[in-house]
Amino acid sequence: MPLFDFHCRDCDKTSELLVRSSDTPACPHCGSAEIDKLVSMPAEPGKSKGIIQRARAQAAKEGHMSNFSAGERKKLLKT
C-alpha cells in the first residue's frame, strides 16, 4: 500500500496516510472525509555519496569489491 499526503479542509492539518486505491481515507485528526490528496515529491534513488562510501567501506571490510566499478577494481588490484 502506498503512502500519500492528505490535507484536511476542515481542520487544516496535513497527514501522511497509508491507503489502498479502493479506500476512502478520513482525517486522523478530526475524522472528516473532506480531505485532498497532495502531490508528493518523489524520493531520490539511493545514490548519494555517503551511501556509496559506506557500502564500499563495508565491502572492503568483508574482503570483496562488489561495490566498485570495473575500472576502479583494476586500479585497486594493480596497487
PDB file of N, CA and C in Angstrom:
ATOM      1  N   MET A   1       0.846  -1.185   0.000  1.00  0.00           N
ATOM      2  CA  MET A   1       0.000   0.000   0.000  1.00  0.00           C
ATOM      3  C   MET A   1       0.892   1.248   0.000  1.00  0.00           C
ATOM      4  N   PRO A   2       0.554   2.179  -0.843  1.00  0.00           N
ATOM      5  CA  PRO A   2       1.380   3.397  -0.921  1.00  0.00           C
ATOM      6  C   PRO A   2       1.017   4.420   0.147  1.00  0.00           C
ATOM      7  N   LEU A   3       1.993   5.245   0.472  1.00  0.00           N
ATOM      8  CA  LEU A   3       1.789   6.374   1.379  1.00  0.00           C
ATOM      9  C   LEU A   3       1.423   7.598   0.556  1.00  0.00           C
ATOM     10  N   PHE A   4       0.429   8.337   1.025  1.00  0.00           N
ATOM     11  CA  PHE A   4       0.025   9.567   0.380  1.00  0.00           C
ATOM     12  C   PHE A   4      -0.089  10.673   1.410  1.00  0.00           C
ATOM     13  N   ASP A   5       0.144  11.897   0.991  1.00  0.00           N
ATOM     14  CA  ASP A   5      -0.072  13.065   1.837  1.00  0.00           C
ATOM     15  C   ASP A   5      -1.469  13.596   1.553  1.00  0.00           C
ATOM     16  N   PHE A   6      -2.183  13.935   2.623  1.00  0.00           N
ATOM     17  CA  PHE A   6      -3.532  14.484   2.507  1.00  0.00           C
ATOM     18  C   PHE A   6      -3.630  15.748   3.344  1.00  0.00           C
ATOM     19  N   HIS A   7      -4.442  16.685   2.870  1.00  0.00           N
ATOM     20  CA  HIS A   7      -4.699  17.917   3.627  1.00  0.00           C
ATOM     21  C   HIS A   7      -6.188  17.983   3.921  1.00  0.00           C
ATOM     22  N   CYS A   8      -6.533  18.162   5.195  1.00  0.00           N
ATOM     23  CA  CYS A   8      -7.927  18.238   5.620  1.00  0.00           C
ATOM     24  C   CYS A   8      -8.440  19.668   5.465  1.00  0.00           C
ATOM     25  N   ARG A   9      -9.569  19.810   4.799  1.00  0.00           N
ATOM     26  CA  ARG A   9     -10.175  21.132   4.620  1.00  0.00           C
ATOM     27  C   ARG A   9     -10.831  21.631   5.907  1.00  0.00           C
ATOM     28  N   ASP A  10     -11.287  20.708   6.755  1.00  0.00           N
ATOM     29  CA  ASP A  10     -11.988  21.116   7.980  1.00  0.00           C
ATOM     30  C   ASP A  10     -11.038  21.570   9.087  1.00  0.00           C
ATOM     31  N   CYS A  11     -10.005  20.795   9.382  1.00  0.00           N
ATOM     32  CA  CYS A  11      -9.116  21.161  10.490  1.00  0.00           C
ATOM     33  C   CYS A  11      -7.796  21.765  10.016  1.00  0.00           C
ATOM     34  N   ASP A  12      -7.577  21.847   8.701  1.00  0.00           N
ATOM     35  CA  ASP A  12      -6.390  22.476   8.104  1.00  0.00           C
ATOM     36  C   ASP A  12      -5.083  21.789   8.512  1.00  0.00           C
ATOM     37  N   LYS A  13      -5.120  20.471   8.695  1.00  0.00           N
ATOM     38  CA  LYS A  13      -3.910  19.715   9.036  1.00  0.00           C
ATOM     39  C   LYS A  13      -3.538  18.798   7.877  1.00  0.00           C
ATOM     40  N   THR A  14      -2.246  18.537   7.761  1.00  0.00           N
ATOM     41  CA  THR A  14      -1.736  17.645   6.721  1.00  0.00           C
ATOM     42  C   THR A  14      -1.264  16.357   7.377  1.00  0.00           C
ATOM     43  N   SER A  15      -1.591  15.226   6.747  1.00  0.00           N
ATOM     44  CA  SER A  15      -1.235  13.922   7.296  1.00  0.00           C
ATOM     45  C   SER A  15      -0.722  13.023   6.189  1.00  0.00           C
ATOM     46  N   GLU A  16       0.134  12.098   6.569  1.00  0.00           N
ATOM     47  CA  GLU A  16       0.615  11.073   5.645  1.00  0.00           C
ATOM     48  C   GLU A  16      -0.135   9.794   6.001  1.00  0.00           C
ATOM     49  N   LEU A  17      -0.849   9.234   5.026  1.00  0.00           N
ATOM     50  CA  LEU A  17      -1.681   8.065   5.286  1.00  0.00           C
ATOM     51  C   LEU A  17      -1.324   6.919   4.360  1.00  0.00           C
ATOM     52  N   LEU A  18      -1.416   5.729   4.872  1.00  0.00           N
ATOM     53  CA  LEU A  18      -1.202   4.509   4.113  1.00  0.00           C
ATOM     54  C   LEU A  18      -2.578   4.041   3.647  1.00  0.00           C
ATOM     55  N   VAL A  19      -2.865   4.135   2.343  1.00  0.00           N
ATOM     56  CA  VAL A  19      -4.212   3.821   1.849  1.00  0.00           C
ATOM     57  C   VAL A  19      -4.158   2.944   0.607  1.00  0.00           C
ATOM     58  N   ARG A  20      -5.182   2.132   0.466  1.00  0.00           N
ATOM     59  CA  ARG A  20      -5.384   1.358  -0.756  1.00  0.00           C
ATOM     60  C   ARG A  20      -6.134   2.236  -1.742  1.00  0.00           C
ATOM     61  N   SER A  21      -6.026   1.908  -3.004  1.00  0.00           N
ATOM     62  CA  SER A  21      -6.708   2.722  -4.011  1.00  0.00           C
ATOM     63  C   SER A  21      -8.230   2.629  -3.868  1.00  0.00           C
ATOM     64  N   SER A  22      -8.732   1.540  -3.310  1.00  0.00           N
ATOM     65  CA  SER A  22     -10.180   1.369  -3.148  1.00  0.00           C
ATOM     66  C   SER A  22     -10.712   2.030  -1.876  1.00  0.00           C
ATOM     67  N   ASP A  23      -9.842   2.456  -0.956  1.00  0.00           N
ATOM     68  CA  ASP A  23     -10.271   3.065   0.308  1.00  0.00           C
ATOM     69  C   ASP A  23     -10.579   4.545   0.145  1.00  0.00           C
ATOM     70  N   THR A  24     -11.499   5.028   0.965  1.00  0.00           N
ATOM     71  CA  THR A  24     -11.760   6.455   1.076  1.00  0.00           C
ATOM     72  C   THR A  24     -11.240   6.885   2.441  1.00  0.00           C
ATOM     73  N   PRO A  25     -10.091   7.552   2.488  1.00  0.00           N
ATOM     74  CA  PRO A  25      -9.491   7.893   3.779  1.00  0.00           C
ATOM     75  C   PRO A  25     -10.230   9.030   4.481  1.00  0.00           C
ATOM     76  N   ALA A  26     -10.053   9.071   5.788  1.00  0.00           N
ATOM     77  CA  ALA A  26     -10.592  10.152   6.612  1.00  0.00           C
ATOM     78  C   ALA A  26      -9.445  10.796   7.367  1.00  0.00           C
ATOM     79  N   CYS A  27      -9.639  12.037   7.759  1.00  0.00           N
ATOM     80  CA  CYS A  27      -8.622  12.761   8.510  1.00  0.00           C
ATOM     81  C   CYS A  27      -8.408  12.087   9.862  1.00  0.00           C
ATOM     82  N   PRO A  28      -7.158  11.749  10.213  1.00  0.00           N
ATOM     83  CA  PRO A  28      -6.912  11.116  11.504  1.00  0.00           C
ATOM     84  C   PRO A  28      -7.062  12.076  12.686  1.00  0.00           C
ATOM     85  N   HIS A  29      -7.084  13.379  12.427  1.00  0.00           N
ATOM     86  CA  HIS A  29      -7.198  14.369  13.496  1.00  0.00           C
ATOM     87  C   HIS A  29      -8.652  14.664  13.870  1.00  0.00           C
ATOM     88  N   CYS A  30      -9.510  14.848  12.842  1.00  0.00           N
ATOM     89  CA  CYS A  30     -10.894  15.239  13.140  1.00  0.00           C
ATOM     90  C   CYS A  30     -11.923  14.259  12.600  1.00  0.00           C
ATOM     91  N   GLY A  31     -11.470  13.286  11.777  1.00  0.00           N
ATOM     92  CA  GLY A  31     -12.385  12.286  11.242  1.00  0.00           C
ATOM     93  C   GLY A  31     -13.137  12.721   9.989  1.00  0.00           C
ATOM     94  N   SER A  32     -12.872  13.901   9.490  1.00  0.00           N
ATOM     95  CA  SER A  32     -13.574  14.424   8.317  1.00  0.00           C
ATOM     96  C   SER A  32     -13.166  13.674   7.054  1.00  0.00           C
ATOM     97  N   ALA A  33     -14.119  13.539   6.137  1.00  0.00           N
ATOM     98  CA  ALA A  33     -13.842  12.945   4.834  1.00  0.00           C
ATOM     99  C   ALA A  33     -13.487  14.020   3.811  1.00  0.00           C
ATOM    100  N   GLU A  34     -13.491  15.269   4.225  1.00  0.00           N
ATOM    101  CA  GLU A  34     -13.170  16.400   3.344  1.00  0.00           C
ATOM    102  C   GLU A  34     -11.655  16.605   3.277  1.00  0.00           C
ATOM    103  N   ILE A  35     -10.968  15.647   2.668  1.00  0.00           N
ATOM    104  CA  ILE A  35      -9.513  15.743   2.558  1.00  0.00           C
ATOM    105  C   ILE A  35      -9.103  15.686   1.087  1.00  0.00           C
ATOM    106  N   ASP A  36      -8.013  16.350   0.794  1.00  0.00           N
ATOM    107  CA  ASP A  36      -7.485  16.403  -0.566  1.00  0.00           C
ATOM    108  C   ASP A  36      -6.141  15.703  -0.609  1.00  0.00           C
ATOM    109  N   LYS A  37      -5.935  14.886  -1.648  1.00  0.00           N
ATOM    110  CA  LYS A  37      -4.643  14.227  -1.839  1.00  0.00           C
ATOM    111  C   LYS A  37      -3.669  15.268  -2.379  1.00  0.00           C
ATOM    112  N   LEU A  38      -2.495  15.329  -1.778  1.00  0.00           N
ATOM    113  CA  LEU A  38      -1.472  16.287  -2.200  1.00  0.00           C
ATOM    114  C   LEU A  38      -0.482  15.627  -3.136  1.00  0.00           C
ATOM    115  N   VAL A  39       0.152  16.427  -3.954  1.00  0.00           N
ATOM    116  CA  VAL A  39       1.215  15.930  -4.815  1.00  0.00           C
ATOM    117  C   VAL A  39       2.466  15.803  -3.957  1.00  0.00           C
ATOM    118  N   SER A  40       3.010  14.616  -3.894  1.00  0.00           N
ATOM    119  CA  SER A  40       4.203  14.360  -3.071  1.00  0.00           C
ATOM    120  C   SER A  40       5.449  14.402  -3.932  1.00  0.00           C
ATOM    121  N   MET A  41       6.538  14.844  -3.327  1.00  0.00           N
ATOM    122  CA  MET A  41       7.820  14.857  -4.014  1.00  0.00           C
ATOM    123  C   MET A  41       8.354  13.429  -4.054  1.00  0.00           C
ATOM    124  N   PRO A  42       8.776  12.952  -5.221  1.00  0.00           N
ATOM    125  CA  PRO A  42       9.310  11.593  -5.281  1.00  0.00           C
ATOM    126  C   PRO A  42      10.639  11.484  -4.531  1.00  0.00           C
ATOM    127  N   ALA A  43      10.882  10.324  -3.985  1.00  0.00           N
ATOM    128  CA  ALA A  43      12.131  10.091  -3.260  1.00  0.00           C
ATOM    129  C   ALA A  43      13.268   9.880  -4.251  1.00  0.00           C
ATOM    130  N   GLU A  44      14.426  10.378  -3.906  1.00  0.00           N
ATOM    131  CA  GLU A  44      15.607  10.203  -4.743  1.00  0.00           C
ATOM    132  C   GLU A  44      16.102   8.772  -4.652  1.00  0.00           C
ATOM    133  N   PRO A  45      16.684   8.260  -5.732  1.00  0.00           N
ATOM    134  CA  PRO A  45      17.307   6.941  -5.620  1.00  0.00           C
ATOM    135  C   PRO A  45      18.498   6.995  -4.674  1.00  0.00           C
ATOM    136  N   GLY A  46      18.807   5.892  -4.062  1.00  0.00           N
ATOM    137  CA  GLY A  46      19.869   5.854  -3.057  1.00  0.00           C
ATOM    138  C   GLY A  46      21.267   5.881  -3.641  1.00  0.00           C
ATOM    139  N   LYS A  47      21.629   6.942  -4.310  1.00  0.00           N
ATOM    140  CA  LYS A  47      22.946   7.046  -4.926  1.00  0.00           C
ATOM    141  C   LYS A  47      23.749   8.204  -4.353  1.00  0.00           C
ATOM    142  N   SER A  48      23.487   8.561  -3.132  1.00  0.00           N
ATOM    143  CA  SER A  48      24.238   9.670  -2.553  1.00  0.00           C
ATOM    144  C   SER A  48      25.665   9.225  -2.247  1.00  0.00           C
ATOM    145  N   LYS A  49      26.550  10.189  -2.193  1.00  0.00           N
ATOM    146  CA  LYS A  49      27.961   9.879  -1.932  1.00  0.00           C
ATOM    147  C   LYS A  49      28.147   9.152  -0.609  1.00  0.00           C
ATOM    148  N   GLY A  50      27.398   9.551   0.403  1.00  0.00           N
ATOM    149  CA  GLY A  50      27.533   8.928   1.719  1.00  0.00           C
ATOM    150  C   GLY A  50      27.146   7.465   1.710  1.00  0.00           C
ATOM    151  N   ILE A  51      26.068   7.123   1.011  1.00  0.00           N
ATOM    152  CA  ILE A  51      25.627   5.733   0.935  1.00  0.00           C
ATOM    153  C   ILE A  51      26.664   4.899   0.197  1.00  0.00           C
ATOM    154  N   ILE A  52      27.174   5.434  -0.900  1.00  0.00           N
ATOM    155  CA  ILE A  52      28.175   4.711  -1.677  1.00  0.00           C
ATOM    156  C   ILE A  52      29.451   4.506  -0.861  1.00  0.00           C
ATOM    157  N   GLN A  53      29.894   5.529  -0.145  1.00  0.00           N
ATOM    158  CA  GLN A  53      31.109   5.402   0.665  1.00  0.00           C
ATOM    159  C   GLN A  53      30.943   4.351   1.754  1.00  0.00           C
ATOM    160  N   ARG A  54      29.786   4.343   2.422  1.00  0.00           N
ATOM    161  CA  ARG A  54      29.550   3.345   3.478  1.00  0.00           C
ATOM    162  C   ARG A  54      29.500   1.931   2.904  1.00  0.00           C
ATOM    163  N   ALA A  55      28.879   1.771   1.734  1.00  0.00           N
ATOM    164  CA  ALA A  55      28.802   0.447   1.105  1.00  0.00           C
ATOM    165  C   ALA A  55      30.190  -0.036   0.707  1.00  0.00           C
ATOM    166  N   ARG A  56      31.006   0.870   0.185  1.00  0.00           N
ATOM    167  CA  ARG A  56      32.366   0.490  -0.204  1.00  0.00           C
ATOM    168  C   ARG A  56      33.221   0.144   1.016  1.00  0.00           C
ATOM    169  N   ALA A  57      33.058   0.888   2.093  1.00  0.00           N
ATOM    170  CA  ALA A  57      33.815   0.595   3.309  1.00  0.00           C
ATOM    171  C   ALA A  57      33.421  -0.778   3.856  1.00  0.00           C
ATOM    172  N   GLN A  58      32.124  -1.084   3.832  1.00  0.00           N
ATOM    173  CA  GLN A  58      31.658  -2.385   4.308  1.00  0.00           C
ATOM    174  C   GLN A  58      32.177  -3.497   3.407  1.00  0.00           C
ATOM    175  N   ALA A  59      32.162  -3.273   2.092  1.00  0.00           N
ATOM    176  CA  ALA A  59      32.669  -4.282   1.157  1.00  0.00           C
ATOM    177  C   ALA A  59      34.151  -4.537   1.404  1.00  0.00           C
ATOM    178  N   ALA A  60      34.916  -3.485   1.647  1.00  0.00           N
ATOM    179  CA  ALA A  60      36.347  -3.649   1.914  1.00  0.00           C
ATOM    180  C   ALA A  60      36.573  -4.446   3.194  1.00  0.00           C
ATOM    181  N   LYS A  61      35.752  -4.194   4.228  1.00  0.00           N
ATOM    182  CA  LYS A  61      35.872  -4.956   5.480  1.00  0.00           C
ATOM    183  C   LYS A  61      35.593  -6.435   5.254  1.00  0.00           C
ATOM    184  N   GLU A  62      34.618  -6.698   4.352  1.00  0.00           N
ATOM    185  CA  GLU A  62      34.222  -8.081   4.092  1.00  0.00           C
ATOM    186  C   GLU A  62      35.133  -8.768   3.073  1.00  0.00           C
ATOM    187  N   GLY A  63      36.048  -8.005   2.479  1.00  0.00           N
ATOM    188  CA  GLY A  63      37.010  -8.599   1.569  1.00  0.00           C
ATOM    189  C   GLY A  63      36.538  -8.776   0.136  1.00  0.00           C
ATOM    190  N   HIS A  64      35.492  -8.058  -0.264  1.00  0.00           N
ATOM    191  CA  HIS A  64      35.084  -8.135  -1.670  1.00  0.00           C
ATOM    192  C   HIS A  64      34.959  -6.725  -2.225  1.00  0.00           C
ATOM    193  N   MET A  65      34.881  -6.645  -3.524  1.00  0.00           N
ATOM    194  CA  MET A  65      34.886  -5.335  -4.177  1.00  0.00           C
ATOM    195  C   MET A  65      33.646  -5.152  -5.050  1.00  0.00           C
ATOM    196  N   SER A  66      32.523  -5.718  -4.640  1.00  0.00           N
ATOM    197  CA  SER A  66      31.314  -5.679  -5.464  1.00  0.00           C
ATOM    198  C   SER A  66      30.739  -4.274  -5.628  1.00  0.00           C
ATOM    199  N   ASN A  67      31.096  -3.369  -4.773  1.00  0.00           N
ATOM    200  CA  ASN A  67      30.568  -2.009  -4.858  1.00  0.00           C
ATOM    201  C   ASN A  67      31.475  -1.061  -5.629  1.00  0.00           C
ATOM    202  N   PHE A  68      32.489  -1.600  -6.277  1.00  0.00           N
ATOM    203  CA  PHE A  68      33.401  -0.790  -7.077  1.00  0.00           C
ATOM    204  C   PHE A  68      33.154  -1.082  -8.554  1.00  0.00           C
ATOM    205  N   SER A  69      33.339  -0.091  -9.410  1.00  0.00           N
ATOM    206  CA  SER A  69      33.204  -0.306 -10.855  1.00  0.00           C
ATOM    207  C   SER A  69      34.383  -1.136 -11.345  1.00  0.00           C
ATOM    208  N   ALA A  70      34.261  -1.661 -12.564  1.00  0.00           N
ATOM    209  CA  ALA A  70      35.332  -2.487 -13.126  1.00  0.00           C
ATOM    210  C   ALA A  70      36.636  -1.702 -13.224  1.00  0.00           C
ATOM    211  N   GLY A  71      36.568  -0.444 -13.639  1.00  0.00           N
ATOM    212  CA  GLY A  71      37.768   0.392 -13.731  1.00  0.00           C
ATOM    213  C   GLY A  71      38.412   0.630 -12.381  1.00  0.00           C
ATOM    214  N   GLU A  72      37.592   0.852 -11.368  1.00  0.00           N
ATOM    215  CA  GLU A  72      38.120   1.066 -10.017  1.00  0.00           C
ATOM    216  C   GLU A  72      38.776  -0.211  -9.484  1.00  0.00           C
ATOM    217  N   ARG A  73      38.169  -1.363  -9.787  1.00  0.00           N
ATOM    218  CA  ARG A  73      38.747  -2.633  -9.335  1.00  0.00           C
ATOM    219  C   ARG A  73      40.120  -2.858  -9.950  1.00  0.00           C
ATOM    220  N   LYS A  74      40.249  -2.552 -11.244  1.00  0.00           N
ATOM    221  CA  LYS A  74      41.545  -2.725 -11.912  1.00  0.00           C
ATOM    222  C   LYS A  74      42.599  -1.846 -11.263  1.00  0.00           C
ATOM    223  N   LYS A  75      42.249  -0.587 -10.975  1.00  0.00           N
ATOM    224  CA  LYS A  75      43.205   0.330 -10.334  1.00  0.00           C
ATOM    225  C   LYS A  75      43.608  -0.177  -8.966  1.00  0.00           C
ATOM    226  N   LEU A  76      42.639  -0.611  -8.180  1.00  0.00           N
ATOM    227  CA  LEU A  76      42.921  -1.075  -6.820  1.00  0.00           C
ATOM    228  C   LEU A  76      43.742  -2.354  -6.798  1.00  0.00           C
ATOM    229  N   LEU A  77      43.510  -3.236  -7.751  1.00  0.00           N
ATOM    230  CA  LEU A  77      44.225  -4.513  -7.767  1.00  0.00           C
ATOM    231  C   LEU A  77      45.648  -4.350  -8.269  1.00  0.00           C
ATOM    232  N   LYS A  78      45.927  -3.302  -9.052  1.00  0.00           N
ATOM    233  CA  LYS A  78      47.278  -3.052  -9.545  1.00  0.00           C
ATOM    234  C   LYS A  78      48.187  -2.533  -8.447  1.00  0.00           C
ATOM    235  N   THR A  79      47.655  -1.849  -7.454  1.00  0.00           N
ATOM    236  CA  THR A  79      48.481  -1.254  -6.399  1.00  0.00           C
ATOM    237  C   THR A  79      48.740  -2.230  -5.289  1.00  0.00           C
TER     238      THR A  79
END
